[in-house]
Each structure stands twice: as structure tokens, then as C-alpha cells.
């Protein structure tokens, strides 16, 4: 199983966005450990939710050679719903 991360989409433009590297942690809350300082590219086709600024997502990463060395692309991204935001009934 691949490592899962969580983070927040900061910028969205025309079907893609970027997950802010400063918001990224491993799924268990520990530091992400990714060898980059760049935000992570996310395409709408790799996300199970409508892309929007502020969207919290869980995801995996793959190197993004099209964007250069040290760049990553998010895959298998899913929206994260905070337990406090779920309806009670």
C-alpha cells in the first residue's frame, strides 16, 4: 500500500490546483518527509471531489517529471470531511 498524505488545496485554476506543501502531513499526522519544498500538483481527473480553494484532501503522490526535479503530483485524492462537520441526525 502506498503512503497516504493529507493537505489543503490552496490554488485552483482551470481544472487543476496545487496542494500547499506547508499543509501536507502523512495521514497519521507526522511530517510528510517528501524531498521537496514545492506545492503538489493536483488535476481534477485525480480527485474524487470538485476542486476548490480550501478543500482538504487525502492523497498519494508520484514524481511529476513534467514539472521538473523535486516536483510531485497527487493521485487518488479524496475529500476529507472533518468529524465536527458531519450532521448529527
N, C-alpha and C. Protein backbone atom coordinates (compact mmCIF):
# COMPACT_ATOMS: atom_id res chain seq x y z
N UNK A 1 0.84 -1.17 0.00
CA UNK A 1 0.00 0.00 0.00
C UNK A 1 0.89 1.25 0.00
N UNK A 2 0.53 2.23 -0.79
CA UNK A 2 1.29 3.47 -0.89
C UNK A 2 1.02 4.37 0.32
N UNK A 3 1.98 5.23 0.60
CA UNK A 3 1.83 6.20 1.68
C UNK A 3 0.73 7.20 1.33
N UNK A 4 -0.16 7.48 2.27
CA UNK A 4 -1.21 8.48 2.09
C UNK A 4 -0.83 9.74 2.85
N UNK A 5 -1.19 10.86 2.27
CA UNK A 5 -0.92 12.17 2.84
C UNK A 5 -2.24 12.93 2.95
N UNK A 6 -2.23 13.98 3.73
CA UNK A 6 -3.36 14.90 3.78
C UNK A 6 -2.82 16.31 3.60
N UNK A 7 -3.65 17.16 3.01
CA UNK A 7 -3.25 18.55 2.80
C UNK A 7 -4.43 19.36 2.31
N UNK A 8 -4.17 20.63 2.07
CA UNK A 8 -5.23 21.54 1.66
C UNK A 8 -4.89 22.17 0.32
N UNK A 9 -5.90 22.15 -0.57
CA UNK A 9 -5.76 22.78 -1.89
C UNK A 9 -5.76 24.29 -1.66
N UNK A 10 -4.73 24.96 -2.15
CA UNK A 10 -4.63 26.40 -1.96
C UNK A 10 -5.02 27.19 -3.20
N UNK A 11 -4.60 26.72 -4.36
CA UNK A 11 -4.86 27.44 -5.60
C UNK A 11 -5.55 26.53 -6.59
N UNK A 12 -6.57 27.05 -7.28
CA UNK A 12 -7.29 26.28 -8.30
C UNK A 12 -7.40 27.14 -9.54
N UNK A 13 -7.16 26.52 -10.70
CA UNK A 13 -7.24 27.23 -11.97
C UNK A 13 -7.53 26.26 -13.09
N UNK A 14 -8.66 26.42 -13.76
CA UNK A 14 -8.96 25.71 -15.00
C UNK A 14 -8.74 24.20 -14.95
N UNK A 15 -9.30 23.54 -13.93
CA UNK A 15 -9.25 22.08 -13.89
C UNK A 15 -8.09 21.48 -13.14
N UNK A 16 -7.26 22.30 -12.54
CA UNK A 16 -6.16 21.77 -11.73
C UNK A 16 -5.92 22.71 -10.56
N UNK A 17 -5.17 22.22 -9.60
CA UNK A 17 -4.86 23.03 -8.44
C UNK A 17 -3.55 22.59 -7.84
N UNK A 18 -3.21 23.22 -6.73
CA UNK A 18 -1.99 22.89 -6.01
C UNK A 18 -2.30 22.73 -4.54
N UNK A 19 -1.78 21.65 -3.96
CA UNK A 19 -1.89 21.40 -2.54
C UNK A 19 -0.67 22.07 -1.90
N UNK A 20 -0.91 22.97 -0.96
CA UNK A 20 0.18 23.70 -0.32
C UNK A 20 1.08 22.77 0.47
N UNK A 21 2.37 22.75 0.14
CA UNK A 21 3.29 21.83 0.81
C UNK A 21 3.35 22.11 2.31
N UNK A 22 3.10 23.33 2.72
CA UNK A 22 3.10 23.66 4.14
C UNK A 22 1.91 23.08 4.89
N UNK A 23 0.90 22.59 4.16
CA UNK A 23 -0.29 21.99 4.79
C UNK A 23 -0.22 20.46 4.81
N UNK A 24 0.80 19.89 4.18
CA UNK A 24 0.86 18.44 3.97
C UNK A 24 1.50 17.72 5.15
N UNK A 25 0.85 16.65 5.59
CA UNK A 25 1.39 15.72 6.58
C UNK A 25 1.09 14.31 6.09
N UNK A 26 1.70 13.34 6.72
CA UNK A 26 1.29 11.96 6.47
C UNK A 26 -0.09 11.78 7.08
N UNK A 27 -0.77 10.77 6.67
CA UNK A 27 -2.14 10.53 7.13
C UNK A 27 -2.22 10.41 8.66
N UNK A 28 -1.13 9.93 9.28
CA UNK A 28 -1.13 9.77 10.73
C UNK A 28 -0.78 11.06 11.47
N UNK A 29 -0.57 12.17 10.72
CA UNK A 29 -0.27 13.45 11.34
C UNK A 29 1.21 13.77 11.47
N UNK A 30 2.06 12.82 11.15
CA UNK A 30 3.51 13.05 11.24
C UNK A 30 3.98 13.88 10.03
N UNK A 31 5.17 14.47 10.09
CA UNK A 31 5.69 15.26 8.98
C UNK A 31 5.70 14.47 7.68
N UNK A 32 5.45 15.15 6.57
CA UNK A 32 5.32 14.45 5.28
C UNK A 32 6.60 13.77 4.83
N UNK A 33 7.76 14.34 5.09
CA UNK A 33 9.02 13.71 4.71
C UNK A 33 9.30 13.71 3.21
N UNK A 34 8.51 14.39 2.42
CA UNK A 34 8.74 14.44 0.97
C UNK A 34 9.94 15.33 0.69
N UNK A 35 10.82 14.92 -0.24
CA UNK A 35 12.01 15.70 -0.54
C UNK A 35 11.72 16.86 -1.49
N UNK A 36 10.88 17.79 -1.03
CA UNK A 36 10.52 18.94 -1.87
C UNK A 36 10.04 20.10 -1.00
N UNK A 37 10.14 21.29 -1.56
CA UNK A 37 9.54 22.48 -0.93
C UNK A 37 8.45 23.04 -1.84
N UNK A 38 8.19 22.34 -2.95
CA UNK A 38 7.19 22.78 -3.93
C UNK A 38 5.79 22.31 -3.56
N UNK A 39 4.79 23.12 -3.90
CA UNK A 39 3.41 22.68 -3.75
C UNK A 39 3.16 21.49 -4.67
N UNK A 40 2.16 20.67 -4.35
CA UNK A 40 1.89 19.43 -5.07
C UNK A 40 0.77 19.63 -6.08
N UNK A 41 1.05 19.32 -7.34
CA UNK A 41 0.08 19.48 -8.43
C UNK A 41 -1.06 18.48 -8.26
N UNK A 42 -2.29 18.93 -8.51
CA UNK A 42 -3.47 18.06 -8.45
C UNK A 42 -4.37 18.37 -9.63
N UNK A 43 -4.61 17.38 -10.48
CA UNK A 43 -5.51 17.53 -11.63
C UNK A 43 -6.89 17.02 -11.23
N UNK A 44 -7.92 17.64 -11.76
CA UNK A 44 -9.30 17.25 -11.41
C UNK A 44 -9.57 15.78 -11.70
N UNK A 45 -8.91 15.19 -12.69
CA UNK A 45 -9.12 13.77 -13.01
C UNK A 45 -8.55 12.84 -11.93
N UNK A 46 -7.69 13.37 -11.07
CA UNK A 46 -7.10 12.58 -9.99
C UNK A 46 -7.76 12.85 -8.65
N UNK A 47 -8.89 13.56 -8.68
CA UNK A 47 -9.55 13.94 -7.44
C UNK A 47 -11.01 13.51 -7.45
N UNK A 48 -11.47 12.89 -6.37
CA UNK A 48 -12.85 12.43 -6.26
C UNK A 48 -13.80 13.50 -5.77
N UNK A 49 -13.41 14.77 -5.85
CA UNK A 49 -14.26 15.88 -5.42
C UNK A 49 -14.02 17.06 -6.35
N UNK A 50 -14.94 17.99 -6.36
CA UNK A 50 -14.79 19.22 -7.14
C UNK A 50 -13.67 20.04 -6.53
N UNK A 51 -12.69 20.42 -7.33
CA UNK A 51 -11.56 21.19 -6.82
C UNK A 51 -12.01 22.59 -6.40
N UNK A 52 -11.57 23.00 -5.23
CA UNK A 52 -11.87 24.33 -4.72
C UNK A 52 -10.78 24.73 -3.74
N UNK A 53 -10.47 26.01 -3.67
CA UNK A 53 -9.52 26.51 -2.68
C UNK A 53 -10.05 26.19 -1.29
N UNK A 54 -9.18 25.69 -0.44
CA UNK A 54 -9.56 25.33 0.92
C UNK A 54 -9.98 23.89 1.10
N UNK A 55 -10.14 23.15 0.00
CA UNK A 55 -10.55 21.75 0.06
C UNK A 55 -9.48 20.92 0.76
N UNK A 56 -9.86 20.16 1.78
CA UNK A 56 -8.95 19.23 2.46
C UNK A 56 -9.03 17.89 1.74
N UNK A 57 -7.86 17.33 1.39
CA UNK A 57 -7.83 16.07 0.66
C UNK A 57 -6.83 15.10 1.26
N UNK A 58 -7.14 13.82 1.09
CA UNK A 58 -6.21 12.74 1.36
C UNK A 58 -5.74 12.25 0.00
N UNK A 59 -4.46 11.91 -0.14
CA UNK A 59 -3.94 11.58 -1.46
C UNK A 59 -2.64 10.79 -1.37
N UNK A 60 -2.21 10.27 -2.51
CA UNK A 60 -0.90 9.65 -2.68
C UNK A 60 -0.12 10.54 -3.64
N UNK A 61 1.18 10.35 -3.75
CA UNK A 61 1.97 11.16 -4.67
C UNK A 61 2.81 10.29 -5.60
N UNK A 62 3.10 10.85 -6.76
CA UNK A 62 4.04 10.27 -7.71
C UNK A 62 4.94 11.42 -8.18
N UNK A 63 6.19 11.12 -8.55
CA UNK A 63 7.04 12.19 -9.10
C UNK A 63 6.39 12.79 -10.34
N UNK A 64 6.52 14.09 -10.49
CA UNK A 64 5.95 14.80 -11.64
C UNK A 64 7.09 15.32 -12.51
N UNK A 65 7.62 14.46 -13.36
CA UNK A 65 8.78 14.81 -14.19
C UNK A 65 8.49 15.96 -15.15
N UNK A 66 7.22 16.16 -15.52
CA UNK A 66 6.87 17.26 -16.42
C UNK A 66 7.09 18.62 -15.76
N UNK A 67 7.06 18.65 -14.43
CA UNK A 67 7.22 19.92 -13.71
C UNK A 67 8.63 20.12 -13.18
N UNK A 68 9.51 19.17 -13.42
CA UNK A 68 10.90 19.33 -13.01
C UNK A 68 11.28 18.50 -11.80
N UNK A 69 12.55 18.55 -11.49
CA UNK A 69 13.09 17.76 -10.38
C UNK A 69 12.50 18.23 -9.05
N UNK A 70 12.14 17.28 -8.21
CA UNK A 70 11.60 17.59 -6.90
C UNK A 70 10.11 17.91 -6.89
N UNK A 71 9.46 17.79 -8.05
CA UNK A 71 8.03 18.08 -8.13
C UNK A 71 7.22 16.79 -7.97
N UNK A 72 6.05 16.91 -7.37
CA UNK A 72 5.16 15.77 -7.17
C UNK A 72 3.77 16.09 -7.67
N UNK A 73 3.06 15.02 -8.04
CA UNK A 73 1.67 15.10 -8.47
C UNK A 73 0.85 14.23 -7.54
N UNK A 74 -0.29 14.75 -7.09
CA UNK A 74 -1.19 13.98 -6.24
C UNK A 74 -2.02 13.03 -7.09
N UNK A 75 -2.26 11.83 -6.58
CA UNK A 75 -3.12 10.85 -7.23
C UNK A 75 -4.09 10.31 -6.19
N UNK A 76 -5.18 9.73 -6.66
CA UNK A 76 -6.17 9.09 -5.78
C UNK A 76 -6.61 10.00 -4.65
N UNK A 77 -6.80 11.27 -4.98
CA UNK A 77 -7.20 12.26 -3.97
C UNK A 77 -8.68 12.16 -3.66
N UNK A 78 -9.00 12.23 -2.37
CA UNK A 78 -10.38 12.18 -1.89
C UNK A 78 -10.59 13.30 -0.88
N UNK A 79 -11.77 13.86 -0.90
CA UNK A 79 -12.12 14.92 0.04
C UNK A 79 -12.13 14.36 1.47
N UNK A 80 -11.62 15.15 2.39
CA UNK A 80 -11.65 14.79 3.81
C UNK A 80 -12.73 15.63 4.47
N UNK A 81 -13.61 14.95 5.19
CA UNK A 81 -14.66 15.63 5.93
C UNK A 81 -14.31 15.55 7.41
N UNK A 82 -14.19 16.70 8.03
CA UNK A 82 -13.88 16.75 9.45
C UNK A 82 -15.06 16.21 10.26
N UNK A 83 -14.83 15.38 11.28
CA UNK A 83 -15.92 14.82 12.06
C UNK A 83 -16.85 15.87 12.65
N UNK A 84 -16.34 17.02 13.03
CA UNK A 84 -17.18 18.09 13.59
C UNK A 84 -18.12 18.70 12.59
N UNK A 85 -17.92 18.41 11.30
CA UNK A 85 -18.76 19.00 10.27
C UNK A 85 -19.87 18.05 9.81
N UNK A 86 -19.88 16.83 10.33
CA UNK A 86 -20.91 15.87 9.95
C UNK A 86 -22.22 16.20 10.66
N UNK A 87 -23.34 16.06 9.97
CA UNK A 87 -24.63 16.30 10.63
C UNK A 87 -24.87 15.27 11.73
N UNK A 88 -25.54 15.68 12.78
CA UNK A 88 -25.82 14.79 13.91
C UNK A 88 -26.93 13.82 13.59
N UNK A 89 -27.93 14.20 12.82
CA UNK A 89 -29.05 13.30 12.54
C UNK A 89 -28.86 12.51 11.30
